[in-house]
Amino acid sequence: VQLQASGGGLVQAGGSLRLSCAASGNVFSIATTGWYRQATGKQRELVAQIATGGSTNYADSVKGRFTISRDNANNTVYLQMNSLKPEDTAVYYCHAAVAGTISFYNSWGQGTQVTVSS
């Protein structure tokens, strides 16, 4: 599975951005798709994820502001980010947990920079 992320940029606090993650390859093996982020000097953390059944999971810090959704026809997952804060500034990575022949493995897209100015 290959993941192509897009949609980052520079926005003022309170603004919105939408990230996209397009999957290709053996997309039927994807169990969950989500977004992680890594700020400078910090560990990578889960932001949001969505399972094939549609259930979602969010970090407490983004609940009520971010929404993850999926377009199955286009194999694309979106992260709508509203009410952005300077602390949301990070490189955002698309991630998929993929069922392999023996176990699950991780697939990562390239990072996309999100910068929120105060």
N, C-alpha and C. Protein backbone atom coordinates (compact mmCIF):
# COMPACT_ATOMS: atom_id res chain seq x y z
N VAL A 1 0.86 -1.20 0.00
CA VAL A 1 0.00 0.00 0.00
C VAL A 1 0.89 1.24 0.00
N GLN A 2 0.56 2.17 -0.89
CA GLN A 2 1.29 3.45 -0.94
C GLN A 2 0.32 4.56 -0.56
N LEU A 3 0.83 5.53 0.17
CA LEU A 3 0.02 6.64 0.65
C LEU A 3 0.61 7.95 0.15
N GLN A 4 -0.25 8.81 -0.38
CA GLN A 4 0.17 10.11 -0.88
C GLN A 4 -0.61 11.18 -0.12
N ALA A 5 0.11 11.95 0.69
CA ALA A 5 -0.52 12.99 1.50
C ALA A 5 -0.40 14.34 0.83
N SER A 6 -1.39 15.19 1.08
CA SER A 6 -1.35 16.54 0.56
C SER A 6 -2.23 17.44 1.41
N GLY A 7 -2.08 18.75 1.23
CA GLY A 7 -3.00 19.68 1.86
C GLY A 7 -2.45 20.51 3.00
N GLY A 8 -1.19 20.34 3.35
CA GLY A 8 -0.65 21.17 4.42
C GLY A 8 -0.46 22.60 3.97
N GLY A 9 -0.02 23.44 4.90
CA GLY A 9 0.22 24.83 4.56
C GLY A 9 0.33 25.70 5.79
N LEU A 10 0.28 26.99 5.54
CA LEU A 10 0.37 28.00 6.59
C LEU A 10 -0.99 28.64 6.78
N VAL A 11 -1.44 28.73 8.00
CA VAL A 11 -2.75 29.30 8.30
C VAL A 11 -2.67 30.05 9.63
N GLN A 12 -3.50 31.04 9.78
CA GLN A 12 -3.56 31.77 11.03
C GLN A 12 -4.37 30.99 12.07
N ALA A 13 -4.10 31.26 13.32
CA ALA A 13 -4.86 30.63 14.39
C ALA A 13 -6.35 30.88 14.20
N GLY A 14 -7.13 29.84 14.41
CA GLY A 14 -8.57 29.93 14.18
C GLY A 14 -9.00 29.51 12.79
N GLY A 15 -8.04 29.35 11.92
CA GLY A 15 -8.34 28.97 10.54
C GLY A 15 -8.52 27.48 10.37
N SER A 16 -8.68 27.08 9.10
CA SER A 16 -8.94 25.68 8.78
C SER A 16 -8.04 25.20 7.65
N LEU A 17 -7.77 23.91 7.66
CA LEU A 17 -7.07 23.24 6.59
C LEU A 17 -7.67 21.85 6.44
N ARG A 18 -7.55 21.29 5.23
CA ARG A 18 -7.96 19.92 5.03
C ARG A 18 -6.81 19.13 4.42
N LEU A 19 -6.45 18.06 5.08
CA LEU A 19 -5.42 17.16 4.58
C LEU A 19 -6.07 15.99 3.85
N SER A 20 -5.40 15.52 2.82
CA SER A 20 -5.88 14.36 2.06
C SER A 20 -4.81 13.28 2.05
N CYS A 21 -5.26 12.05 2.07
CA CYS A 21 -4.35 10.91 2.00
C CYS A 21 -4.94 9.91 1.01
N ALA A 22 -4.30 9.80 -0.14
CA ALA A 22 -4.78 8.89 -1.17
C ALA A 22 -3.99 7.59 -1.11
N ALA A 23 -4.70 6.48 -1.05
CA ALA A 23 -4.07 5.17 -0.98
C ALA A 23 -4.12 4.48 -2.33
N SER A 24 -3.07 3.73 -2.61
CA SER A 24 -3.03 2.94 -3.84
C SER A 24 -2.38 1.60 -3.52
N GLY A 25 -2.52 0.68 -4.44
CA GLY A 25 -1.99 -0.66 -4.20
C GLY A 25 -3.08 -1.55 -3.65
N ASN A 26 -2.73 -2.41 -2.72
CA ASN A 26 -3.67 -3.37 -2.18
C ASN A 26 -4.51 -2.74 -1.07
N VAL A 27 -5.37 -1.82 -1.49
CA VAL A 27 -6.14 -1.03 -0.52
C VAL A 27 -7.13 -1.89 0.26
N PHE A 28 -7.50 -3.03 -0.26
CA PHE A 28 -8.46 -3.88 0.43
C PHE A 28 -7.86 -4.53 1.68
N SER A 29 -6.55 -4.43 1.83
CA SER A 29 -5.89 -4.98 2.99
C SER A 29 -5.74 -3.95 4.12
N ILE A 30 -6.21 -2.74 3.89
CA ILE A 30 -6.08 -1.69 4.90
C ILE A 30 -7.09 -1.91 6.02
N ALA A 31 -6.61 -1.93 7.26
CA ALA A 31 -7.50 -2.10 8.41
C ALA A 31 -7.91 -0.74 8.98
N THR A 32 -6.94 0.12 9.18
CA THR A 32 -7.22 1.48 9.66
C THR A 32 -6.35 2.46 8.89
N THR A 33 -6.85 3.67 8.73
CA THR A 33 -6.09 4.77 8.13
C THR A 33 -6.16 5.95 9.08
N GLY A 34 -5.09 6.67 9.21
CA GLY A 34 -5.14 7.79 10.13
C GLY A 34 -4.03 8.79 9.89
N TRP A 35 -3.98 9.73 10.78
CA TRP A 35 -2.99 10.79 10.73
C TRP A 35 -2.24 10.85 12.05
N TYR A 36 -0.95 10.96 11.94
CA TYR A 36 -0.08 11.23 13.06
C TYR A 36 0.59 12.58 12.81
N ARG A 37 1.13 13.15 13.86
CA ARG A 37 1.88 14.38 13.69
C ARG A 37 3.10 14.38 14.59
N GLN A 38 4.09 15.13 14.14
CA GLN A 38 5.31 15.24 14.92
C GLN A 38 5.77 16.68 14.90
N ALA A 39 5.74 17.29 16.06
CA ALA A 39 6.24 18.65 16.20
C ALA A 39 7.74 18.60 16.48
N THR A 40 8.40 19.69 16.23
CA THR A 40 9.85 19.75 16.43
C THR A 40 10.20 19.41 17.87
N GLY A 41 11.08 18.45 18.04
CA GLY A 41 11.53 18.08 19.37
C GLY A 41 10.57 17.19 20.14
N LYS A 42 9.51 16.74 19.50
CA LYS A 42 8.53 15.90 20.19
C LYS A 42 8.37 14.57 19.46
N GLN A 43 7.77 13.63 20.16
CA GLN A 43 7.52 12.33 19.56
C GLN A 43 6.31 12.39 18.63
N ARG A 44 6.30 11.48 17.69
CA ARG A 44 5.15 11.38 16.80
C ARG A 44 3.95 10.90 17.61
N GLU A 45 2.79 11.51 17.36
CA GLU A 45 1.59 11.17 18.11
C GLU A 45 0.41 10.97 17.17
N LEU A 46 -0.50 10.12 17.61
CA LEU A 46 -1.71 9.88 16.84
C LEU A 46 -2.62 11.09 16.94
N VAL A 47 -3.15 11.51 15.81
CA VAL A 47 -4.11 12.61 15.76
C VAL A 47 -5.53 12.04 15.62
N ALA A 48 -5.72 11.22 14.61
CA ALA A 48 -7.04 10.64 14.36
C ALA A 48 -6.88 9.42 13.47
N GLN A 49 -7.80 8.50 13.61
CA GLN A 49 -7.80 7.33 12.74
C GLN A 49 -9.22 6.86 12.50
N ILE A 50 -9.39 6.16 11.36
CA ILE A 50 -10.70 5.65 11.00
C ILE A 50 -10.51 4.22 10.53
N ALA A 51 -11.37 3.34 11.02
CA ALA A 51 -11.29 1.93 10.66
C ALA A 51 -12.17 1.64 9.45
N THR A 52 -11.98 0.48 8.84
CA THR A 52 -12.77 0.14 7.66
C THR A 52 -14.25 0.09 7.98
N GLY A 53 -14.58 -0.22 9.23
CA GLY A 53 -15.99 -0.24 9.61
C GLY A 53 -16.56 1.14 9.86
N GLY A 54 -15.70 2.16 9.87
CA GLY A 54 -16.16 3.53 10.04
C GLY A 54 -15.94 4.12 11.42
N SER A 55 -15.53 3.30 12.38
CA SER A 55 -15.31 3.84 13.72
C SER A 55 -14.09 4.76 13.70
N THR A 56 -14.15 5.78 14.54
CA THR A 56 -13.08 6.78 14.55
C THR A 56 -12.50 6.92 15.96
N ASN A 57 -11.31 7.45 15.99
CA ASN A 57 -10.61 7.67 17.24
C ASN A 57 -9.82 8.96 17.11
N TYR A 58 -9.88 9.81 18.14
CA TYR A 58 -9.20 11.11 18.09
C TYR A 58 -8.35 11.32 19.34
N ALA A 59 -7.27 12.05 19.15
CA ALA A 59 -6.52 12.52 20.31
C ALA A 59 -7.39 13.52 21.05
N ASP A 60 -7.25 13.54 22.38
CA ASP A 60 -8.06 14.47 23.17
C ASP A 60 -7.84 15.91 22.75
N SER A 61 -6.64 16.23 22.33
CA SER A 61 -6.30 17.61 22.01
C SER A 61 -6.99 18.12 20.75
N VAL A 62 -7.54 17.22 19.94
CA VAL A 62 -8.18 17.67 18.69
C VAL A 62 -9.67 17.37 18.64
N LYS A 63 -10.18 16.71 19.65
CA LYS A 63 -11.61 16.38 19.67
C LYS A 63 -12.45 17.64 19.58
N GLY A 64 -13.45 17.58 18.72
CA GLY A 64 -14.32 18.73 18.54
C GLY A 64 -13.81 19.75 17.53
N ARG A 65 -12.56 19.60 17.11
CA ARG A 65 -11.99 20.53 16.13
C ARG A 65 -11.62 19.83 14.83
N PHE A 66 -11.17 18.60 14.91
CA PHE A 66 -10.74 17.85 13.74
C PHE A 66 -11.76 16.76 13.43
N THR A 67 -11.93 16.48 12.15
CA THR A 67 -12.82 15.40 11.73
C THR A 67 -12.14 14.57 10.66
N ILE A 68 -12.08 13.28 10.88
CA ILE A 68 -11.52 12.37 9.88
C ILE A 68 -12.66 11.71 9.13
N SER A 69 -12.51 11.59 7.83
CA SER A 69 -13.55 10.97 7.01
C SER A 69 -12.90 10.20 5.87
N ARG A 70 -13.72 9.43 5.19
CA ARG A 70 -13.18 8.55 4.16
C ARG A 70 -14.05 8.56 2.93
N ASP A 71 -13.44 8.60 1.76
CA ASP A 71 -14.12 8.47 0.48
C ASP A 71 -13.68 7.13 -0.11
N ASN A 72 -14.52 6.12 0.06
CA ASN A 72 -14.13 4.77 -0.37
C ASN A 72 -13.98 4.66 -1.89
N ALA A 73 -14.77 5.42 -2.61
CA ALA A 73 -14.71 5.34 -4.07
C ALA A 73 -13.34 5.78 -4.60
N ASN A 74 -12.73 6.72 -3.89
CA ASN A 74 -11.44 7.25 -4.34
C ASN A 74 -10.29 6.82 -3.44
N ASN A 75 -10.57 5.92 -2.51
CA ASN A 75 -9.52 5.42 -1.59
C ASN A 75 -8.76 6.57 -0.93
N THR A 76 -9.51 7.54 -0.48
CA THR A 76 -8.90 8.73 0.11
C THR A 76 -9.48 9.00 1.49
N VAL A 77 -8.61 9.35 2.41
CA VAL A 77 -9.01 9.74 3.75
C VAL A 77 -8.69 11.22 3.93
N TYR A 78 -9.60 11.93 4.56
CA TYR A 78 -9.44 13.36 4.77
C TYR A 78 -9.35 13.67 6.26
N LEU A 79 -8.63 14.72 6.57
CA LEU A 79 -8.61 15.25 7.93
C LEU A 79 -8.97 16.73 7.83
N GLN A 80 -10.19 17.03 8.23
CA GLN A 80 -10.63 18.42 8.27
C GLN A 80 -10.23 19.01 9.61
N MET A 81 -9.44 20.06 9.56
CA MET A 81 -8.92 20.67 10.78
C MET A 81 -9.48 22.09 10.90
N ASN A 82 -10.27 22.31 11.91
CA ASN A 82 -10.87 23.61 12.16
C ASN A 82 -10.35 24.18 13.47
N SER A 83 -10.55 25.46 13.65
CA SER A 83 -10.13 26.15 14.88
C SER A 83 -8.69 25.81 15.22
N LEU A 84 -7.84 25.92 14.24
CA LEU A 84 -6.45 25.54 14.43
C LEU A 84 -5.75 26.43 15.43
N LYS A 85 -4.84 25.83 16.17
CA LYS A 85 -4.08 26.52 17.19
C LYS A 85 -2.59 26.43 16.86
N PRO A 86 -1.80 27.35 17.37
CA PRO A 86 -0.35 27.27 17.12
C PRO A 86 0.25 25.92 17.55
N GLU A 87 -0.31 25.31 18.58
CA GLU A 87 0.21 24.02 19.04
C GLU A 87 -0.12 22.88 18.10
N ASP A 88 -0.93 23.14 17.09
CA ASP A 88 -1.18 22.12 16.06
C ASP A 88 -0.06 22.10 15.01
N THR A 89 0.84 23.04 15.09
CA THR A 89 1.95 23.09 14.14
C THR A 89 2.80 21.84 14.24
N ALA A 90 2.97 21.16 13.12
CA ALA A 90 3.72 19.90 13.10
C ALA A 90 3.80 19.41 11.67
N VAL A 91 4.60 18.39 11.48
CA VAL A 91 4.55 17.63 10.23
C VAL A 91 3.52 16.52 10.43
N TYR A 92 2.57 16.45 9.53
CA TYR A 92 1.49 15.47 9.62
C TYR A 92 1.78 14.33 8.65
N TYR A 93 1.63 13.11 9.17
CA TYR A 93 1.91 11.91 8.39
C TYR A 93 0.66 11.06 8.26
N CYS A 94 0.38 10.63 7.06
CA CYS A 94 -0.69 9.68 6.84
C CYS A 94 -0.18 8.28 7.15
N HIS A 95 -1.03 7.47 7.74
CA HIS A 95 -0.62 6.13 8.17
C HIS A 95 -1.73 5.13 7.85
N ALA A 96 -1.33 3.93 7.51
CA ALA A 96 -2.29 2.84 7.34
C ALA A 96 -1.75 1.59 8.01
N ALA A 97 -2.61 0.90 8.71
CA ALA A 97 -2.30 -0.42 9.24
C ALA A 97 -2.81 -1.42 8.22
N VAL A 98 -1.90 -2.21 7.69
CA VAL A 98 -2.23 -3.08 6.56
C VAL A 98 -2.06 -4.53 6.97
N ALA A 99 -3.02 -5.34 6.61
CA ALA A 99 -2.95 -6.77 6.91
C ALA A 99 -2.03 -7.46 5.91
N GLY A 100 -0.91 -7.99 6.42
CA GLY A 100 -0.01 -8.75 5.58
C GLY A 100 -0.36 -10.22 5.62
N THR A 101 0.51 -11.03 5.09
CA THR A 101 0.24 -12.47 5.03
C THR A 101 0.33 -13.11 6.41
N ILE A 102 1.14 -12.55 7.29
CA ILE A 102 1.31 -13.11 8.63
C ILE A 102 0.81 -12.17 9.71
N SER A 103 1.11 -10.89 9.56
CA SER A 103 0.72 -9.91 10.58
C SER A 103 0.47 -8.57 9.91
N PHE A 104 0.05 -7.60 10.73
CA PHE A 104 -0.16 -6.26 10.21
C PHE A 104 1.18 -5.54 10.08
N TYR A 105 1.24 -4.63 9.14
CA TYR A 105 2.41 -3.78 9.04
C TYR A 105 1.96 -2.35 8.81
N ASN A 106 2.89 -1.42 9.06
CA ASN A 106 2.60 0.01 8.92
C ASN A 106 3.04 0.52 7.56
N SER A 107 2.19 1.34 6.98
CA SER A 107 2.54 2.06 5.76
C SER A 107 2.43 3.54 6.06
N TRP A 108 3.42 4.30 5.67
CA TRP A 108 3.46 5.74 5.94
C TRP A 108 3.54 6.52 4.64
N GLY A 109 2.82 7.63 4.61
CA GLY A 109 2.97 8.57 3.53
C GLY A 109 4.05 9.58 3.86
N GLN A 110 4.39 10.42 2.90
CA GLN A 110 5.37 11.46 3.19
C GLN A 110 4.69 12.50 4.08
N GLY A 111 5.44 13.20 4.85
CA GLY A 111 4.87 14.20 5.74
C GLY A 111 4.44 15.45 4.99
N THR A 112 3.48 16.13 5.58
CA THR A 112 3.05 17.42 5.04
C THR A 112 3.05 18.42 6.20
N GLN A 113 3.68 19.55 5.97
CA GLN A 113 3.85 20.54 7.04
C GLN A 113 2.59 21.36 7.24
N VAL A 114 2.18 21.47 8.50
CA VAL A 114 1.08 22.36 8.89
C VAL A 114 1.67 23.37 9.87
N THR A 115 1.54 24.63 9.53
CA THR A 115 2.05 25.70 10.39
C THR A 115 0.91 26.65 10.72
N VAL A 116 0.69 26.84 12.01
CA VAL A 116 -0.38 27.73 12.47
C VAL A 116 0.27 28.91 13.17
N SER A 117 0.06 30.08 12.64
CA SER A 117 0.65 31.28 13.21
C SER A 117 -0.32 31.92 14.20
N SER A 118 0.24 32.55 15.21
CA SER A 118 -0.60 33.17 16.26
C SER A 118 -0.91 34.61 15.92
